């Protein structure tokens, strides 16, 4: 097992510290529109995660297909948002956490097989898989 999601919606956008106790941001029946607006107002100086959980059978039971549809129209199709599966998120976070920086933070090495993006002087910088790079 690589990860396990809880049902303890936090309302926050923090990455999980322990992927075996992965707390979502919200259930799909929560105030997704309000949370999304709050999410989009945040400064992206660190990786943020908006994680919605739920079960498809609940849409029929709770008669809230319109609610999730409205949220998807609002949050979907953005070029500045990465839409990912749980395992894609886990793999990326593990790759990002495996970056090795020099003591003065002027060099970085990416030992993983996945490209990782970091912020350098508030600009996005791609650190390719296996790359050693001066910053």
C-alpha atoms as a PDB file:
ATOM      1  CA  UNK A   1       0.000   0.000   0.000  1.00  0.00           C
ATOM      2  CA  UNK A   2       1.261   3.430  -0.928  1.00  0.00           C
ATOM      3  CA  UNK A   3      -1.393   5.722   0.557  1.00  0.00           C
ATOM      4  CA  UNK A   4      -4.657   5.751   2.451  1.00  0.00           C
ATOM      5  CA  UNK A   5      -7.260   8.511   2.478  1.00  0.00           C
ATOM      6  CA  UNK A   6      -9.191   9.426   5.587  1.00  0.00           C
ATOM      7  CA  UNK A   7     -12.614  11.076   5.647  1.00  0.00           C
ATOM      8  CA  UNK A   8     -11.453  13.893   7.930  1.00  0.00           C
ATOM      9  CA  UNK A   9     -11.899  16.894   5.647  1.00  0.00           C
ATOM     10  CA  UNK A  10      -9.600  19.657   6.883  1.00  0.00           C
ATOM     11  CA  UNK A  11     -10.550  22.664   4.777  1.00  0.00           C
ATOM     12  CA  UNK A  12      -6.813  23.210   4.270  1.00  0.00           C
ATOM     13  CA  UNK A  13      -4.560  22.854   1.250  1.00  0.00           C
ATOM     14  CA  UNK A  14      -1.512  21.319   2.891  1.00  0.00           C
ATOM     15  CA  UNK A  15       0.296  18.361   1.402  1.00  0.00           C
ATOM     16  CA  UNK A  16       0.071  15.253   3.544  1.00  0.00           C
ATOM     17  CA  UNK A  17       2.965  14.596   5.861  1.00  0.00           C
ATOM     18  CA  UNK A  18       1.937  10.956   6.115  1.00  0.00           C
ATOM     19  CA  UNK A  19       0.387   9.520   2.951  1.00  0.00           C
ATOM     20  CA  UNK A  20      -1.027   6.626   4.981  1.00  0.00           C
ATOM     21  CA  UNK A  21      -3.167   9.197   6.863  1.00  0.00           C
ATOM     22  CA  UNK A  22      -4.019  11.452   3.944  1.00  0.00           C
ATOM     23  CA  UNK A  23      -6.651  13.980   5.006  1.00  0.00           C
ATOM     24  CA  UNK A  24      -8.627  15.556   2.153  1.00  0.00           C
ATOM     25  CA  UNK A  25      -9.517  19.216   1.832  1.00  0.00           C
ATOM     26  CA  UNK A  26     -13.238  18.590   1.494  1.00  0.00           C
ATOM     27  CA  UNK A  27     -16.023  16.137   0.770  1.00  0.00           C
ATOM     28  CA  UNK A  28     -17.828  16.811  -2.504  1.00  0.00           C
ATOM     29  CA  UNK A  29     -20.908  17.864  -0.559  1.00  0.00           C
ATOM     30  CA  UNK A  30     -19.010  20.616   1.330  1.00  0.00           C
ATOM     31  CA  UNK A  31     -18.751  24.268   0.243  1.00  0.00           C
ATOM     32  CA  UNK A  32     -16.442  23.520  -2.700  1.00  0.00           C
ATOM     33  CA  UNK A  33     -17.012  26.862  -4.402  1.00  0.00           C
ATOM     34  CA  UNK A  34     -16.066  28.815  -1.285  1.00  0.00           C
ATOM     35  CA  UNK A  35     -13.019  26.649  -0.667  1.00  0.00           C
ATOM     36  CA  UNK A  36     -11.957  26.955  -4.318  1.00  0.00           C
ATOM     37  CA  UNK A  37     -12.102  30.740  -4.136  1.00  0.00           C
ATOM     38  CA  UNK A  38      -9.997  30.636  -0.962  1.00  0.00           C
ATOM     39  CA  UNK A  39      -7.562  28.242  -2.664  1.00  0.00           C
ATOM     40  CA  UNK A  40      -7.150  30.478  -5.721  1.00  0.00           C
ATOM     41  CA  UNK A  41      -6.497  33.531  -3.521  1.00  0.00           C
ATOM     42  CA  UNK A  42      -3.512  31.865  -1.827  1.00  0.00           C
ATOM     43  CA  UNK A  43       0.044  32.775  -2.700  1.00  0.00           C
ATOM     44  CA  UNK A  44       1.685  29.836  -4.435  1.00  0.00           C
ATOM     45  CA  UNK A  45       5.045  30.019  -2.683  1.00  0.00           C
ATOM     46  CA  UNK A  46       4.706  26.372  -1.766  1.00  0.00           C
ATOM     47  CA  UNK A  47       2.868  23.417  -3.245  1.00  0.00           C
ATOM     48  CA  UNK A  48      -0.793  23.428  -2.357  1.00  0.00           C
ATOM     49  CA  UNK A  49      -3.313  20.642  -2.749  1.00  0.00           C
ATOM     50  CA  UNK A  50      -7.061  20.934  -3.150  1.00  0.00           C
ATOM     51  CA  UNK A  51      -8.231  17.386  -2.540  1.00  0.00           C
ATOM     52  CA  UNK A  52     -11.920  16.456  -2.875  1.00  0.00           C
ATOM     53  CA  UNK A  53     -13.173  13.065  -1.776  1.00  0.00           C
ATOM     54  CA  UNK A  54     -16.489  11.324  -2.147  1.00  0.00           C
ATOM     55  CA  UNK A  55     -18.342   8.460  -3.775  1.00  0.00           C
ATOM     56  CA  UNK A  56     -20.305   8.604  -7.018  1.00  0.00           C
ATOM     57  CA  UNK A  57     -23.350   6.832  -5.500  1.00  0.00           C
ATOM     58  CA  UNK A  58     -23.743   9.824  -3.164  1.00  0.00           C
ATOM     59  CA  UNK A  59     -24.660  12.129  -6.067  1.00  0.00           C
ATOM     60  CA  UNK A  60     -27.870  10.194  -6.747  1.00  0.00           C
ATOM     61  CA  UNK A  61     -28.620   9.651  -3.070  1.00  0.00           C
ATOM     62  CA  UNK A  62     -28.038  13.315  -2.119  1.00  0.00           C
ATOM     63  CA  UNK A  63     -29.427  14.773  -5.364  1.00  0.00           C
ATOM     64  CA  UNK A  64     -26.350  16.980  -5.794  1.00  0.00           C
ATOM     65  CA  UNK A  65     -25.113  16.267  -9.312  1.00  0.00           C
ATOM     66  CA  UNK A  66     -25.651  19.965 -10.082  1.00  0.00           C
ATOM     67  CA  UNK A  67     -23.402  20.992  -7.188  1.00  0.00           C
ATOM     68  CA  UNK A  68     -20.440  18.901  -8.361  1.00  0.00           C
ATOM     69  CA  UNK A  69     -21.094  19.953 -11.961  1.00  0.00           C
ATOM     70  CA  UNK A  70     -20.938  23.629 -11.002  1.00  0.00           C
ATOM     71  CA  UNK A  71     -17.700  23.047  -9.108  1.00  0.00           C
ATOM     72  CA  UNK A  72     -16.122  21.174 -12.010  1.00  0.00           C
ATOM     73  CA  UNK A  73     -17.034  23.961 -14.431  1.00  0.00           C
ATOM     74  CA  UNK A  74     -15.534  26.538 -12.057  1.00  0.00           C
ATOM     75  CA  UNK A  75     -12.340  24.630 -11.194  1.00  0.00           C
ATOM     76  CA  UNK A  76     -11.770  22.677 -14.395  1.00  0.00           C
ATOM     77  CA  UNK A  77      -9.803  23.451 -17.531  1.00  0.00           C
ATOM     78  CA  UNK A  78      -7.249  25.775 -15.938  1.00  0.00           C
ATOM     79  CA  UNK A  79      -3.699  25.827 -17.273  1.00  0.00           C
ATOM     80  CA  UNK A  80      -2.339  26.855 -13.860  1.00  0.00           C
ATOM     81  CA  UNK A  81      -3.777  23.811 -12.078  1.00  0.00           C
ATOM     82  CA  UNK A  82      -2.525  20.239 -12.241  1.00  0.00           C
ATOM     83  CA  UNK A  83      -5.367  17.703 -12.106  1.00  0.00           C
ATOM     84  CA  UNK A  84      -3.910  14.466 -10.806  1.00  0.00           C
ATOM     85  CA  UNK A  85      -4.734  11.081  -9.358  1.00  0.00           C
ATOM     86  CA  UNK A  86      -3.701  10.089  -5.851  1.00  0.00           C
ATOM     87  CA  UNK A  87      -0.720   8.046  -7.037  1.00  0.00           C
ATOM     88  CA  UNK A  88       0.452  10.857  -9.345  1.00  0.00           C
ATOM     89  CA  UNK A  89       0.412  13.242  -6.397  1.00  0.00           C
ATOM     90  CA  UNK A  90       2.245  10.784  -4.161  1.00  0.00           C
ATOM     91  CA  UNK A  91       4.915  10.117  -6.809  1.00  0.00           C
ATOM     92  CA  UNK A  92       5.439  13.825  -7.465  1.00  0.00           C
ATOM     93  CA  UNK A  93       5.661  14.784  -3.786  1.00  0.00           C
ATOM     94  CA  UNK A  94       8.135  11.981  -3.148  1.00  0.00           C
ATOM     95  CA  UNK A  95      10.248  13.178  -6.091  1.00  0.00           C
ATOM     96  CA  UNK A  96      10.111  16.776  -4.836  1.00  0.00           C
ATOM     97  CA  UNK A  97      11.058  15.702  -1.332  1.00  0.00           C
ATOM     98  CA  UNK A  98      14.014  13.741  -2.703  1.00  0.00           C
ATOM     99  CA  UNK A  99      15.679  16.816  -4.235  1.00  0.00           C
ATOM    100  CA  UNK A 100      19.170  17.312  -2.844  1.00  0.00           C
ATOM    101  CA  UNK A 101      20.315  20.889  -2.377  1.00  0.00           C
ATOM    102  CA  UNK A 102      23.810  22.146  -1.708  1.00  0.00           C
ATOM    103  CA  UNK A 103      24.388  23.747   1.655  1.00  0.00           C
ATOM    104  CA  UNK A 104      24.098  27.276   0.205  1.00  0.00           C
ATOM    105  CA  UNK A 105      21.036  26.271  -1.908  1.00  0.00           C
ATOM    106  CA  UNK A 106      22.832  27.327  -5.121  1.00  0.00           C
ATOM    107  CA  UNK A 107      22.787  23.816  -6.607  1.00  0.00           C
ATOM    108  CA  UNK A 108      20.205  21.058  -6.729  1.00  0.00           C
ATOM    109  CA  UNK A 109      20.197  17.443  -7.828  1.00  0.00           C
ATOM    110  CA  UNK A 110      17.062  15.509  -8.757  1.00  0.00           C
ATOM    111  CA  UNK A 111      17.790  11.799  -8.172  1.00  0.00           C
ATOM    112  CA  UNK A 112      14.281  10.754  -9.193  1.00  0.00           C
ATOM    113  CA  UNK A 113      12.959   9.643 -12.569  1.00  0.00           C
ATOM    114  CA  UNK A 114      10.439  12.500 -12.611  1.00  0.00           C
ATOM    115  CA  UNK A 115      10.811  16.170 -13.457  1.00  0.00           C
ATOM    116  CA  UNK A 116      10.113  18.475 -10.509  1.00  0.00           C
ATOM    117  CA  UNK A 117       9.276  22.176 -10.454  1.00  0.00           C
ATOM    118  CA  UNK A 118      10.624  24.551  -7.803  1.00  0.00           C
ATOM    119  CA  UNK A 119      10.452  28.289  -7.290  1.00  0.00           C
ATOM    120  CA  UNK A 120      13.663  30.291  -7.622  1.00  0.00           C
ATOM    121  CA  UNK A 121      13.306  34.008  -6.957  1.00  0.00           C
ATOM    122  CA  UNK A 122       9.534  33.544  -7.398  1.00  0.00           C
ATOM    123  CA  UNK A 123      10.020  32.049 -10.875  1.00  0.00           C
ATOM    124  CA  UNK A 124       9.173  28.432 -11.762  1.00  0.00           C
ATOM    125  CA  UNK A 125      12.223  26.309 -12.579  1.00  0.00           C
ATOM    126  CA  UNK A 126      12.060  22.733 -13.871  1.00  0.00           C
ATOM    127  CA  UNK A 127      14.594  20.326 -12.431  1.00  0.00           C
ATOM    128  CA  UNK A 128      14.628  17.437 -14.890  1.00  0.00           C
ATOM    129  CA  UNK A 129      14.831  13.833 -13.801  1.00  0.00           C
ATOM    130  CA  UNK A 130      18.447  13.003 -12.982  1.00  0.00           C
ATOM    131  CA  UNK A 131      19.571  16.622 -13.462  1.00  0.00           C
ATOM    132  CA  UNK A 132      22.215  18.429 -11.458  1.00  0.00           C
ATOM    133  CA  UNK A 133      21.562  22.149 -11.820  1.00  0.00           C
ATOM    134  CA  UNK A 134      23.044  25.432 -10.637  1.00  0.00           C
ATOM    135  CA  UNK A 135      20.429  27.867  -9.405  1.00  0.00           C
END
